[in-house]
Amino acid sequence: MTSLRTILLAALCAGFTACQSTTQVRPTKLAVVDTRGTLRNVRTTAYTHSESDHIVYGAKSAVGTDLKYGTVRSAAADWSVYPVGTLFKIEGEPYVYQVDDYGSALVGTKTIDLYRPSKTAMNDWGARNVNIHVLKWGSFDQSLAIMKPRLGAKPHIRQMVNAIEAKNGSES
């Protein structure tokens, strides 16, 4: 039941903000979960390590690993919606995406930011609403373990921690 609640909460999270892409697409509906566990109409954007707000981190994710762009690809999200370690596929693509990064513009949204290795590739993706199939949900506990030592660093980290802790309190 908790897994279903998590899926529904991720699907119903409100609020959309532009995210590190020059192309913006307005979501037409909230994402909905179908009977096969697919999240429909999920807003995605793209980012790259050479953008001005990511240069300080280089090609490293929030978990400290290299950003991936192969068969498995890195994705950034609000970890209170899509916890670290979440694995998903975009309908029509052969790649698996792994949530291993986060960004301030993503907090409070259901938007997923997909890593691209160049600004050209980032701009080519732009912003799109897609259907995703979650292969495995990540861990809110692992998300908290990574973020809690960083609480003083940025306000968006506090927002994600508070949202996860509120969920944990409501599931008790």
N, C-alpha and C. Protein backbone atom coordinates (compact mmCIF):
# COMPACT_ATOMS: atom_id res chain seq x y z
N MET A 1 0.83 -1.19 0.00
CA MET A 1 0.00 0.00 0.00
C MET A 1 0.87 1.26 0.00
N THR A 2 1.99 1.20 0.76
CA THR A 2 2.90 2.34 0.79
C THR A 2 3.46 2.62 -0.60
N SER A 3 3.80 1.56 -1.35
CA SER A 3 4.32 1.74 -2.70
C SER A 3 3.29 2.41 -3.59
N LEU A 4 2.03 2.00 -3.49
CA LEU A 4 0.97 2.62 -4.28
C LEU A 4 0.81 4.07 -3.90
N ARG A 5 0.87 4.37 -2.58
CA ARG A 5 0.77 5.75 -2.13
C ARG A 5 1.92 6.58 -2.69
N THR A 6 3.11 6.01 -2.69
CA THR A 6 4.28 6.72 -3.22
C THR A 6 4.11 7.01 -4.71
N ILE A 7 3.63 6.02 -5.45
CA ILE A 7 3.41 6.22 -6.89
C ILE A 7 2.37 7.30 -7.11
N LEU A 8 1.27 7.23 -6.38
CA LEU A 8 0.21 8.22 -6.56
C LEU A 8 0.68 9.61 -6.16
N LEU A 9 1.45 9.70 -5.06
CA LEU A 9 1.96 10.99 -4.64
C LEU A 9 2.89 11.57 -5.69
N ALA A 10 3.76 10.74 -6.24
CA ALA A 10 4.67 11.21 -7.29
C ALA A 10 3.88 11.68 -8.50
N ALA A 11 2.82 10.97 -8.82
CA ALA A 11 2.03 11.32 -9.99
C ALA A 11 1.22 12.58 -9.79
N LEU A 12 0.84 12.84 -8.56
CA LEU A 12 -0.05 13.97 -8.30
C LEU A 12 0.66 15.22 -7.79
N CYS A 13 1.97 15.14 -7.63
CA CYS A 13 2.71 16.30 -7.15
C CYS A 13 2.42 17.50 -8.05
N ALA A 14 2.12 18.63 -7.45
CA ALA A 14 1.74 19.79 -8.25
C ALA A 14 2.90 20.77 -8.37
N GLY A 15 2.77 21.71 -9.28
CA GLY A 15 3.74 22.76 -9.44
C GLY A 15 4.74 22.45 -10.53
N PHE A 16 4.90 23.36 -11.42
CA PHE A 16 5.83 23.16 -12.51
C PHE A 16 6.69 24.40 -12.64
N THR A 17 8.01 24.20 -12.78
CA THR A 17 8.90 25.33 -13.01
C THR A 17 9.81 25.02 -14.17
N ALA A 18 10.23 26.04 -14.84
CA ALA A 18 11.18 25.83 -15.94
C ALA A 18 12.47 25.31 -15.34
N CYS A 19 13.15 24.50 -16.09
CA CYS A 19 14.33 23.86 -15.52
C CYS A 19 15.45 23.76 -16.55
N GLN A 20 16.43 24.57 -16.46
CA GLN A 20 17.68 24.46 -17.18
C GLN A 20 17.54 24.07 -18.64
N SER A 21 16.58 24.58 -19.32
CA SER A 21 16.44 24.31 -20.73
C SER A 21 15.90 25.55 -21.39
N THR A 22 16.30 25.79 -22.61
CA THR A 22 15.83 26.98 -23.29
C THR A 22 14.44 26.80 -23.87
N THR A 23 13.98 25.57 -24.01
CA THR A 23 12.67 25.29 -24.55
C THR A 23 11.73 24.95 -23.40
N GLN A 24 10.55 25.55 -23.39
CA GLN A 24 9.60 25.25 -22.33
C GLN A 24 8.32 24.69 -22.93
N VAL A 25 7.82 23.65 -22.29
CA VAL A 25 6.55 23.05 -22.69
C VAL A 25 5.67 23.04 -21.47
N ARG A 26 4.48 23.58 -21.59
CA ARG A 26 3.57 23.54 -20.46
C ARG A 26 2.92 22.18 -20.36
N PRO A 27 2.86 21.63 -19.15
CA PRO A 27 2.16 20.37 -19.01
C PRO A 27 0.67 20.59 -19.23
N THR A 28 0.04 19.65 -19.92
CA THR A 28 -1.38 19.81 -20.18
C THR A 28 -2.25 19.18 -19.10
N LYS A 29 -1.71 18.17 -18.41
CA LYS A 29 -2.43 17.49 -17.35
C LYS A 29 -1.41 17.01 -16.33
N LEU A 30 -1.93 16.66 -15.15
CA LEU A 30 -1.05 16.01 -14.18
C LEU A 30 -0.78 14.60 -14.66
N ALA A 31 0.36 14.07 -14.27
CA ALA A 31 0.68 12.69 -14.62
C ALA A 31 -0.33 11.76 -13.93
N VAL A 32 -0.69 10.69 -14.60
CA VAL A 32 -1.57 9.70 -14.01
C VAL A 32 -0.92 8.33 -14.14
N VAL A 33 -1.25 7.46 -13.22
CA VAL A 33 -0.70 6.12 -13.23
C VAL A 33 -1.72 5.18 -13.86
N ASP A 34 -1.30 4.43 -14.87
CA ASP A 34 -2.22 3.47 -15.47
C ASP A 34 -2.10 2.13 -14.76
N THR A 35 -2.83 1.17 -15.20
CA THR A 35 -2.88 -0.13 -14.52
C THR A 35 -1.57 -0.90 -14.60
N ARG A 36 -0.68 -0.55 -15.51
CA ARG A 36 0.61 -1.23 -15.64
C ARG A 36 1.72 -0.50 -14.88
N GLY A 37 1.41 0.55 -14.13
CA GLY A 37 2.44 1.27 -13.38
C GLY A 37 3.18 2.31 -14.18
N THR A 38 2.64 2.69 -15.33
CA THR A 38 3.27 3.72 -16.14
C THR A 38 2.78 5.09 -15.69
N LEU A 39 3.71 6.01 -15.51
CA LEU A 39 3.34 7.40 -15.22
C LEU A 39 3.19 8.11 -16.56
N ARG A 40 2.04 8.67 -16.79
CA ARG A 40 1.75 9.30 -18.07
C ARG A 40 1.90 10.82 -17.97
N ASN A 41 2.37 11.40 -19.07
CA ASN A 41 2.43 12.86 -19.19
C ASN A 41 3.38 13.50 -18.17
N VAL A 42 4.53 12.88 -17.96
CA VAL A 42 5.52 13.40 -17.02
C VAL A 42 6.36 14.46 -17.74
N ARG A 43 6.51 15.61 -17.11
CA ARG A 43 7.30 16.68 -17.70
C ARG A 43 8.78 16.37 -17.52
N THR A 44 9.54 16.42 -18.62
CA THR A 44 10.98 16.22 -18.57
C THR A 44 11.66 17.42 -19.22
N THR A 45 12.83 17.71 -18.71
CA THR A 45 13.70 18.73 -19.28
C THR A 45 15.09 18.08 -19.38
N ALA A 46 16.07 18.85 -19.81
CA ALA A 46 17.42 18.31 -19.92
C ALA A 46 18.42 19.29 -19.32
N TYR A 47 19.53 18.74 -18.84
CA TYR A 47 20.61 19.57 -18.31
C TYR A 47 21.94 18.97 -18.72
N THR A 48 22.98 19.77 -18.59
CA THR A 48 24.33 19.30 -18.89
C THR A 48 25.30 19.83 -17.85
N HIS A 49 26.42 19.19 -17.70
CA HIS A 49 27.41 19.56 -16.69
C HIS A 49 28.13 20.88 -17.01
N SER A 50 28.03 21.37 -18.24
CA SER A 50 28.73 22.60 -18.60
C SER A 50 27.86 23.85 -18.47
N GLU A 51 26.64 23.70 -17.95
CA GLU A 51 25.81 24.88 -17.68
C GLU A 51 26.41 25.65 -16.50
N SER A 52 26.19 26.95 -16.48
CA SER A 52 26.82 27.78 -15.46
C SER A 52 26.48 27.35 -14.04
N ASP A 53 25.25 26.90 -13.79
CA ASP A 53 24.89 26.52 -12.43
C ASP A 53 25.35 25.11 -12.06
N HIS A 54 25.94 24.38 -13.00
CA HIS A 54 26.41 23.02 -12.70
C HIS A 54 27.94 22.92 -12.77
N ILE A 55 28.59 23.95 -13.29
CA ILE A 55 30.05 23.91 -13.47
C ILE A 55 30.78 23.60 -12.17
N VAL A 56 30.32 24.15 -11.06
CA VAL A 56 30.98 23.92 -9.78
C VAL A 56 31.00 22.43 -9.41
N TYR A 57 30.01 21.66 -9.89
CA TYR A 57 29.94 20.23 -9.58
C TYR A 57 30.63 19.37 -10.64
N GLY A 58 30.99 19.97 -11.77
CA GLY A 58 31.60 19.21 -12.85
C GLY A 58 30.64 18.16 -13.38
N ALA A 59 31.18 17.05 -13.81
CA ALA A 59 30.35 15.97 -14.35
C ALA A 59 30.02 14.95 -13.27
N LYS A 60 29.82 15.43 -12.04
CA LYS A 60 29.47 14.58 -10.91
C LYS A 60 28.01 14.77 -10.54
N SER A 61 27.40 13.67 -10.11
CA SER A 61 26.01 13.72 -9.64
C SER A 61 25.98 14.07 -8.16
N ALA A 62 24.79 14.25 -7.62
CA ALA A 62 24.63 14.55 -6.20
C ALA A 62 25.06 13.39 -5.32
N VAL A 63 25.10 12.18 -5.86
CA VAL A 63 25.57 11.03 -5.07
C VAL A 63 27.09 10.88 -5.16
N GLY A 64 27.74 11.71 -5.97
CA GLY A 64 29.20 11.70 -6.06
C GLY A 64 29.78 10.85 -7.16
N THR A 65 28.92 10.25 -7.98
CA THR A 65 29.40 9.43 -9.09
C THR A 65 29.44 10.27 -10.36
N ASP A 66 30.12 9.77 -11.38
CA ASP A 66 30.12 10.45 -12.67
C ASP A 66 28.72 10.43 -13.24
N LEU A 67 28.32 11.53 -13.88
CA LEU A 67 27.04 11.56 -14.58
C LEU A 67 27.10 10.55 -15.72
N LYS A 68 26.05 9.77 -15.89
CA LYS A 68 26.03 8.67 -16.85
C LYS A 68 25.26 9.04 -18.11
N TYR A 69 25.81 8.60 -19.26
CA TYR A 69 25.13 8.78 -20.54
C TYR A 69 25.49 7.62 -21.45
N GLY A 70 24.93 6.48 -21.13
CA GLY A 70 25.14 5.27 -21.90
C GLY A 70 23.84 4.49 -21.90
N THR A 71 23.94 3.19 -21.71
CA THR A 71 22.74 2.37 -21.60
C THR A 71 21.94 2.79 -20.38
N VAL A 72 22.65 3.13 -19.29
CA VAL A 72 22.03 3.72 -18.11
C VAL A 72 22.43 5.19 -18.10
N ARG A 73 21.44 6.06 -17.86
CA ARG A 73 21.68 7.50 -17.94
C ARG A 73 21.23 8.18 -16.65
N SER A 74 21.92 9.24 -16.31
CA SER A 74 21.59 10.00 -15.10
C SER A 74 20.36 10.86 -15.30
N ALA A 75 19.63 11.03 -14.21
CA ALA A 75 18.48 11.93 -14.19
C ALA A 75 18.46 12.65 -12.84
N ALA A 76 17.98 13.88 -12.86
CA ALA A 76 17.83 14.66 -11.64
C ALA A 76 16.34 14.86 -11.39
N ALA A 77 15.99 14.90 -10.10
CA ALA A 77 14.58 15.07 -9.74
C ALA A 77 14.51 15.59 -8.31
N ASP A 78 13.33 15.96 -7.89
CA ASP A 78 13.04 16.25 -6.50
C ASP A 78 13.01 14.89 -5.80
N TRP A 79 13.95 14.66 -4.89
CA TRP A 79 14.07 13.35 -4.25
C TRP A 79 12.91 13.05 -3.31
N SER A 80 12.08 14.02 -3.01
CA SER A 80 10.88 13.74 -2.22
C SER A 80 9.75 13.24 -3.11
N VAL A 81 9.95 13.30 -4.42
CA VAL A 81 8.98 12.77 -5.40
C VAL A 81 9.52 11.49 -6.01
N TYR A 82 10.72 11.57 -6.56
CA TYR A 82 11.41 10.43 -7.15
C TYR A 82 12.69 10.23 -6.34
N PRO A 83 12.70 9.34 -5.35
CA PRO A 83 13.87 9.21 -4.48
C PRO A 83 15.10 8.71 -5.23
N VAL A 84 16.27 9.00 -4.64
CA VAL A 84 17.52 8.57 -5.22
C VAL A 84 17.48 7.06 -5.48
N GLY A 85 18.01 6.66 -6.63
CA GLY A 85 18.03 5.25 -7.00
C GLY A 85 16.84 4.80 -7.83
N THR A 86 15.85 5.67 -8.02
CA THR A 86 14.70 5.30 -8.85
C THR A 86 15.19 5.02 -10.27
N LEU A 87 14.75 3.89 -10.82
CA LEU A 87 15.09 3.49 -12.19
C LEU A 87 13.83 3.53 -13.03
N PHE A 88 13.92 4.13 -14.22
CA PHE A 88 12.76 4.21 -15.10
C PHE A 88 13.18 4.21 -16.56
N LYS A 89 12.23 3.90 -17.41
CA LYS A 89 12.43 3.98 -18.86
C LYS A 89 11.40 4.95 -19.42
N ILE A 90 11.81 5.66 -20.43
CA ILE A 90 10.88 6.53 -21.16
C ILE A 90 10.30 5.72 -22.30
N GLU A 91 8.99 5.76 -22.42
CA GLU A 91 8.31 5.01 -23.47
C GLU A 91 8.92 5.34 -24.83
N GLY A 92 9.29 4.29 -25.58
CA GLY A 92 9.86 4.47 -26.91
C GLY A 92 11.37 4.60 -26.94
N GLU A 93 12.03 4.61 -25.78
CA GLU A 93 13.49 4.70 -25.71
C GLU A 93 14.06 3.42 -25.13
N PRO A 94 15.26 3.02 -25.54
CA PRO A 94 15.85 1.78 -25.01
C PRO A 94 16.63 1.98 -23.70
N TYR A 95 16.81 3.22 -23.26
CA TYR A 95 17.69 3.51 -22.13
C TYR A 95 16.98 3.38 -20.79
N VAL A 96 17.76 3.09 -19.77
CA VAL A 96 17.28 3.13 -18.39
C VAL A 96 17.86 4.40 -17.77
N TYR A 97 17.02 5.14 -17.08
CA TYR A 97 17.45 6.35 -16.38
C TYR A 97 17.49 6.06 -14.89
N GLN A 98 18.50 6.62 -14.22
CA GLN A 98 18.64 6.44 -12.79
C GLN A 98 18.67 7.82 -12.13
N VAL A 99 17.80 8.02 -11.15
CA VAL A 99 17.80 9.28 -10.41
C VAL A 99 19.00 9.25 -9.47
N ASP A 100 20.01 10.08 -9.80
CA ASP A 100 21.22 10.16 -8.98
C ASP A 100 21.63 11.62 -8.75
N ASP A 101 20.74 12.55 -9.12
CA ASP A 101 21.05 13.97 -9.03
C ASP A 101 19.78 14.72 -8.64
N TYR A 102 19.95 15.94 -8.17
CA TYR A 102 18.81 16.81 -7.89
C TYR A 102 19.19 18.22 -8.29
N GLY A 103 18.21 19.11 -8.32
CA GLY A 103 18.46 20.50 -8.67
C GLY A 103 17.44 21.39 -8.04
N SER A 104 17.83 22.61 -7.72
CA SER A 104 16.94 23.54 -7.01
C SER A 104 15.66 23.83 -7.79
N ALA A 105 15.74 23.89 -9.12
CA ALA A 105 14.55 24.20 -9.93
C ALA A 105 13.56 23.05 -9.97
N LEU A 106 13.97 21.88 -9.52
CA LEU A 106 13.10 20.71 -9.56
C LEU A 106 12.28 20.53 -8.30
N VAL A 107 12.70 21.14 -7.22
CA VAL A 107 12.04 20.94 -5.93
C VAL A 107 10.62 21.50 -5.97
N GLY A 108 9.69 20.66 -5.53
CA GLY A 108 8.28 21.04 -5.53
C GLY A 108 7.59 20.76 -6.85
N THR A 109 8.28 20.06 -7.75
CA THR A 109 7.69 19.75 -9.06
C THR A 109 7.74 18.24 -9.28
N LYS A 110 7.07 17.81 -10.30
CA LYS A 110 7.18 16.40 -10.71
C LYS A 110 8.10 16.28 -11.93
N THR A 111 8.78 17.36 -12.28
CA THR A 111 9.67 17.38 -13.44
C THR A 111 10.91 16.52 -13.20
N ILE A 112 11.31 15.79 -14.23
CA ILE A 112 12.55 15.03 -14.21
C ILE A 112 13.49 15.66 -15.23
N ASP A 113 14.71 15.92 -14.80
CA ASP A 113 15.73 16.54 -15.65
C ASP A 113 16.68 15.44 -16.12
N LEU A 114 16.81 15.28 -17.41
CA LEU A 114 17.61 14.20 -17.99
C LEU A 114 19.00 14.73 -18.36
N TYR A 115 20.03 14.02 -17.94
CA TYR A 115 21.40 14.44 -18.23
C TYR A 115 21.72 14.25 -19.71
N ARG A 116 22.36 15.25 -20.29
CA ARG A 116 22.88 15.20 -21.64
C ARG A 116 24.33 15.68 -21.59
N PRO A 117 25.22 15.10 -22.41
CA PRO A 117 26.64 15.42 -22.31
C PRO A 117 27.07 16.75 -22.95
N SER A 118 26.16 17.43 -23.65
CA SER A 118 26.52 18.70 -24.28
C SER A 118 25.31 19.64 -24.30
N LYS A 119 25.59 20.92 -24.48
CA LYS A 119 24.50 21.90 -24.56
C LYS A 119 23.64 21.64 -25.79
N THR A 120 24.25 21.21 -26.88
CA THR A 120 23.48 20.91 -28.09
C THR A 120 22.50 19.78 -27.82
N ALA A 121 22.98 18.71 -27.20
CA ALA A 121 22.10 17.57 -26.88
C ALA A 121 21.03 17.99 -25.89
N MET A 122 21.38 18.85 -24.94
CA MET A 122 20.41 19.36 -23.97
C MET A 122 19.32 20.15 -24.69
N ASN A 123 19.73 21.05 -25.56
CA ASN A 123 18.75 21.87 -26.28
C ASN A 123 17.92 21.05 -27.25
N ASP A 124 18.51 20.00 -27.83
CA ASP A 124 17.75 19.12 -28.72
C ASP A 124 16.60 18.45 -27.97
N TRP A 125 16.83 18.08 -26.71
CA TRP A 125 15.74 17.47 -25.92
C TRP A 125 14.72 18.53 -25.56
N GLY A 126 15.19 19.69 -25.10
CA GLY A 126 14.27 20.75 -24.71
C GLY A 126 13.46 20.35 -23.49
N ALA A 127 12.15 20.47 -23.61
CA ALA A 127 11.22 20.04 -22.57
C ALA A 127 10.12 19.24 -23.26
N ARG A 128 9.83 18.09 -22.70
CA ARG A 128 8.83 17.20 -23.30
C ARG A 128 8.01 16.52 -22.21
N ASN A 129 6.77 16.30 -22.51
CA ASN A 129 5.94 15.45 -21.67
C ASN A 129 6.01 14.04 -22.24
N VAL A 130 6.36 13.07 -21.38
CA VAL A 130 6.56 11.69 -21.82
C VAL A 130 5.87 10.74 -20.86
N ASN A 131 5.72 9.51 -21.29
CA ASN A 131 5.26 8.44 -20.42
C ASN A 131 6.49 7.70 -19.92
N ILE A 132 6.52 7.43 -18.62
CA ILE A 132 7.64 6.68 -18.08
C ILE A 132 7.13 5.44 -17.36
N HIS A 133 7.94 4.41 -17.39
CA HIS A 133 7.64 3.19 -16.65
C HIS A 133 8.70 3.05 -15.56
N VAL A 134 8.26 3.10 -14.31
CA VAL A 134 9.20 2.96 -13.20
C VAL A 134 9.54 1.49 -13.04
N LEU A 135 10.82 1.18 -13.20
CA LEU A 135 11.30 -0.19 -13.05
C LEU A 135 11.53 -0.53 -11.59
N LYS A 136 12.00 0.46 -10.83
CA LYS A 136 12.28 0.26 -9.41
C LYS A 136 12.26 1.62 -8.73
N TRP A 137 11.49 1.73 -7.65
CA TRP A 137 11.50 2.97 -6.88
C TRP A 137 12.74 3.01 -6.02
N GLY A 138 13.31 4.19 -5.90
CA GLY A 138 14.49 4.39 -5.07
C GLY A 138 14.12 4.42 -3.60
N SER A 139 15.03 4.92 -2.79
CA SER A 139 14.87 4.90 -1.34
C SER A 139 14.81 6.31 -0.76
N PHE A 140 13.71 6.58 -0.03
CA PHE A 140 13.63 7.85 0.69
C PHE A 140 14.65 7.89 1.82
N ASP A 141 14.89 6.74 2.46
CA ASP A 141 15.89 6.69 3.54
C ASP A 141 17.27 7.02 3.00
N GLN A 142 17.62 6.47 1.84
CA GLN A 142 18.93 6.77 1.24
C GLN A 142 18.99 8.24 0.83
N SER A 143 17.89 8.77 0.32
CA SER A 143 17.84 10.20 -0.04
C SER A 143 18.13 11.06 1.18
N LEU A 144 17.48 10.73 2.32
CA LEU A 144 17.72 11.48 3.55
C LEU A 144 19.17 11.34 4.02
N ALA A 145 19.72 10.14 3.93
CA ALA A 145 21.10 9.92 4.37
C ALA A 145 22.08 10.78 3.58
N ILE A 146 21.82 10.99 2.32
CA ILE A 146 22.70 11.81 1.48
C ILE A 146 22.48 13.29 1.75
N MET A 147 21.21 13.69 1.92
CA MET A 147 20.90 15.13 2.04
C MET A 147 21.08 15.71 3.43
N LYS A 148 20.83 14.95 4.49
CA LYS A 148 20.88 15.52 5.85
C LYS A 148 22.23 16.17 6.18
N PRO A 149 23.36 15.58 5.81
CA PRO A 149 24.63 16.27 6.09
C PRO A 149 24.79 17.58 5.30
N ARG A 150 23.96 17.81 4.30
CA ARG A 150 24.05 19.01 3.45
C ARG A 150 22.99 20.05 3.79
N LEU A 151 22.29 19.87 4.88
CA LEU A 151 21.14 20.74 5.20
C LEU A 151 21.45 22.22 5.18
N GLY A 152 22.62 22.62 5.62
CA GLY A 152 22.95 24.03 5.66
C GLY A 152 23.38 24.61 4.32
N ALA A 153 23.58 23.76 3.33
CA ALA A 153 24.16 24.20 2.06
C ALA A 153 23.19 25.04 1.22
N LYS A 154 22.01 24.54 0.98
CA LYS A 154 21.06 25.21 0.08
C LYS A 154 19.63 25.01 0.60
N PRO A 155 18.77 26.02 0.43
CA PRO A 155 17.38 25.89 0.91
C PRO A 155 16.59 24.75 0.25
N HIS A 156 16.89 24.43 -1.00
CA HIS A 156 16.12 23.38 -1.67
C HIS A 156 16.36 22.00 -1.04
N ILE A 157 17.51 21.82 -0.43
CA ILE A 157 17.79 20.55 0.24
C ILE A 157 16.88 20.43 1.46
N ARG A 158 16.74 21.50 2.23
CA ARG A 158 15.84 21.52 3.39
C ARG A 158 14.41 21.21 2.95
N GLN A 159 13.97 21.78 1.82
CA GLN A 159 12.61 21.53 1.32
C GLN A 159 12.40 20.05 1.04
N MET A 160 13.36 19.40 0.39
CA MET A 160 13.21 17.98 0.08
C MET A 160 13.21 17.14 1.36
N VAL A 161 14.11 17.45 2.29
CA VAL A 161 14.16 16.71 3.55
C VAL A 161 12.83 16.86 4.30
N ASN A 162 12.34 18.09 4.40
CA ASN A 162 11.06 18.31 5.08
C ASN A 162 9.92 17.53 4.43
N ALA A 163 9.89 17.51 3.10
CA ALA A 163 8.82 16.80 2.39
C ALA A 163 8.90 15.29 2.64
N ILE A 164 10.11 14.74 2.64
CA ILE A 164 10.27 13.29 2.91
C ILE A 164 9.87 12.99 4.35
N GLU A 165 10.33 13.82 5.28
CA GLU A 165 10.00 13.58 6.68
C GLU A 165 8.50 13.70 6.93
N ALA A 166 7.83 14.59 6.22
CA ALA A 166 6.37 14.72 6.34
C ALA A 166 5.68 13.46 5.83
N LYS A 167 6.18 12.91 4.74
CA LYS A 167 5.62 11.65 4.20
C LYS A 167 5.82 10.52 5.19
N ASN A 168 7.03 10.42 5.73
CA ASN A 168 7.32 9.36 6.68
C ASN A 168 6.43 9.45 7.90
N GLY A 169 6.15 10.67 8.34
CA GLY A 169 5.27 10.87 9.48
C GLY A 169 3.83 10.48 9.18
N SER A 170 3.38 10.72 7.94
CA SER A 170 2.00 10.41 7.58
C SER A 170 1.79 8.92 7.31
N GLU A 171 2.89 8.17 7.12
CA GLU A 171 2.76 6.73 6.85
C GLU A 171 2.90 5.91 8.13
N SER A 172 3.15 6.56 9.26
CA SER A 172 3.33 5.82 10.50
C SER A 172 2.02 5.29 11.04
